[in-house]
Amino acid sequence: MSTNIRLMRLGKKKAPYYRVVVAHSRNARDGAYIESLGTYRPVESSDQILINVARFDEWIKMGAIPSQTVKQLVSKARVAV
């Protein structure tokens, strides 16, 4: 079972809101997911990034593959803490 850590888009048109999720690689972008790790709101005055870094690290140890965008967001979240 190949799992990915990626963004799931929510919100309305021109006001995106993303959820960082662990999902099976074959599921659709906004389809079913295994676990939600946090949120990302790019439209806020300052990019609001809330990610459970401990759970992210556990999923990486189990073999989940993060997307490039999620890698960047997690690095920003680590610096902010």
Protein backbone atom coordinates (compact mmCIF):
# COMPACT_ATOMS: atom_id res chain seq x y z
CA MET A 1 0.00 0.00 0.00
CA SER A 2 1.63 3.21 -1.16
CA THR A 3 0.61 6.24 0.87
CA ASN A 4 1.21 9.89 0.12
CA ILE A 5 1.08 12.97 2.31
CA ARG A 6 -0.53 15.69 0.21
CA LEU A 7 -2.93 18.61 0.17
CA MET A 8 -6.70 18.25 -0.09
CA ARG A 9 -8.42 21.38 -1.41
CA LEU A 10 -11.45 22.76 0.38
CA GLY A 11 -13.13 26.16 0.42
CA LYS A 12 -14.83 28.14 -2.26
CA LYS A 13 -13.69 29.62 -5.53
CA LYS A 14 -10.78 32.09 -5.10
CA ALA A 15 -10.69 31.33 -1.35
CA PRO A 16 -8.83 28.03 -1.04
CA TYR A 17 -8.34 26.18 2.21
CA TYR A 18 -6.16 23.10 2.27
CA ARG A 19 -6.03 20.10 4.58
CA VAL A 20 -2.76 18.14 4.85
CA VAL A 21 -3.79 14.48 4.64
CA VAL A 22 -2.34 10.99 4.41
CA ALA A 23 -4.05 9.19 1.54
CA HIS A 24 -3.61 6.13 -0.62
CA SER A 25 -1.78 7.09 -3.79
CA ARG A 26 -4.64 5.95 -6.05
CA ASN A 27 -7.34 8.02 -4.34
CA ALA A 28 -8.52 11.27 -5.93
CA ARG A 29 -7.10 14.59 -4.72
CA ASP A 30 -10.25 15.40 -2.76
CA GLY A 31 -11.24 11.77 -2.14
CA ALA A 32 -10.97 9.50 0.85
CA TYR A 33 -8.01 9.85 3.18
CA ILE A 34 -6.51 7.92 6.09
CA GLU A 35 -5.64 10.73 8.50
CA SER A 36 -5.67 14.53 8.58
CA LEU A 37 -2.39 16.03 9.80
CA GLY A 38 -3.21 19.74 9.70
CA THR A 39 -4.38 22.72 7.69
CA TYR A 40 -2.97 25.41 5.42
CA ARG A 41 -4.72 28.69 4.59
CA PRO A 42 -2.75 30.59 1.92
CA VAL A 43 -5.22 33.48 1.57
CA GLU A 44 -4.97 34.66 5.19
CA SER A 45 -2.94 37.80 5.91
CA SER A 46 -0.01 35.63 6.95
CA ASP A 47 0.03 32.11 5.55
CA GLN A 48 -1.55 30.09 8.33
CA ILE A 49 0.13 26.69 8.65
CA LEU A 50 -0.96 24.25 11.36
CA ILE A 51 0.62 20.80 11.02
CA ASN A 52 1.12 18.03 13.57
CA VAL A 53 4.83 17.52 12.90
CA ALA A 54 5.13 14.54 15.27
CA ARG A 55 2.47 12.58 13.34
CA PHE A 56 4.08 13.68 10.06
CA ASP A 57 7.40 12.19 11.20
CA GLU A 58 5.69 8.94 12.21
CA TRP A 59 4.10 8.61 8.77
CA ILE A 60 7.46 9.26 7.10
CA LYS A 61 8.99 6.45 9.20
CA MET A 62 6.17 4.14 8.04
CA GLY A 63 7.03 4.90 4.40
CA ALA A 64 4.59 7.64 3.38
CA ILE A 65 5.86 9.92 0.61
CA PRO A 66 5.20 13.67 1.04
CA SER A 67 4.51 15.92 -1.94
CA GLN A 68 6.96 18.72 -2.69
CA THR A 69 4.52 21.36 -1.42
CA VAL A 70 3.95 19.50 1.84
CA LYS A 71 7.73 19.22 2.38
CA GLN A 72 8.01 23.01 2.08
CA LEU A 73 5.06 23.61 4.42
CA VAL A 74 6.46 21.26 7.06
CA SER A 75 9.85 22.96 6.94
CA LYS A 76 8.10 26.32 7.49
CA ALA A 77 6.06 24.82 10.35
CA ARG A 78 9.22 23.48 12.03
CA VAL A 79 10.88 26.93 11.89
CA ALA A 80 7.76 28.66 13.26
CA VAL A 81 7.72 26.40 16.36
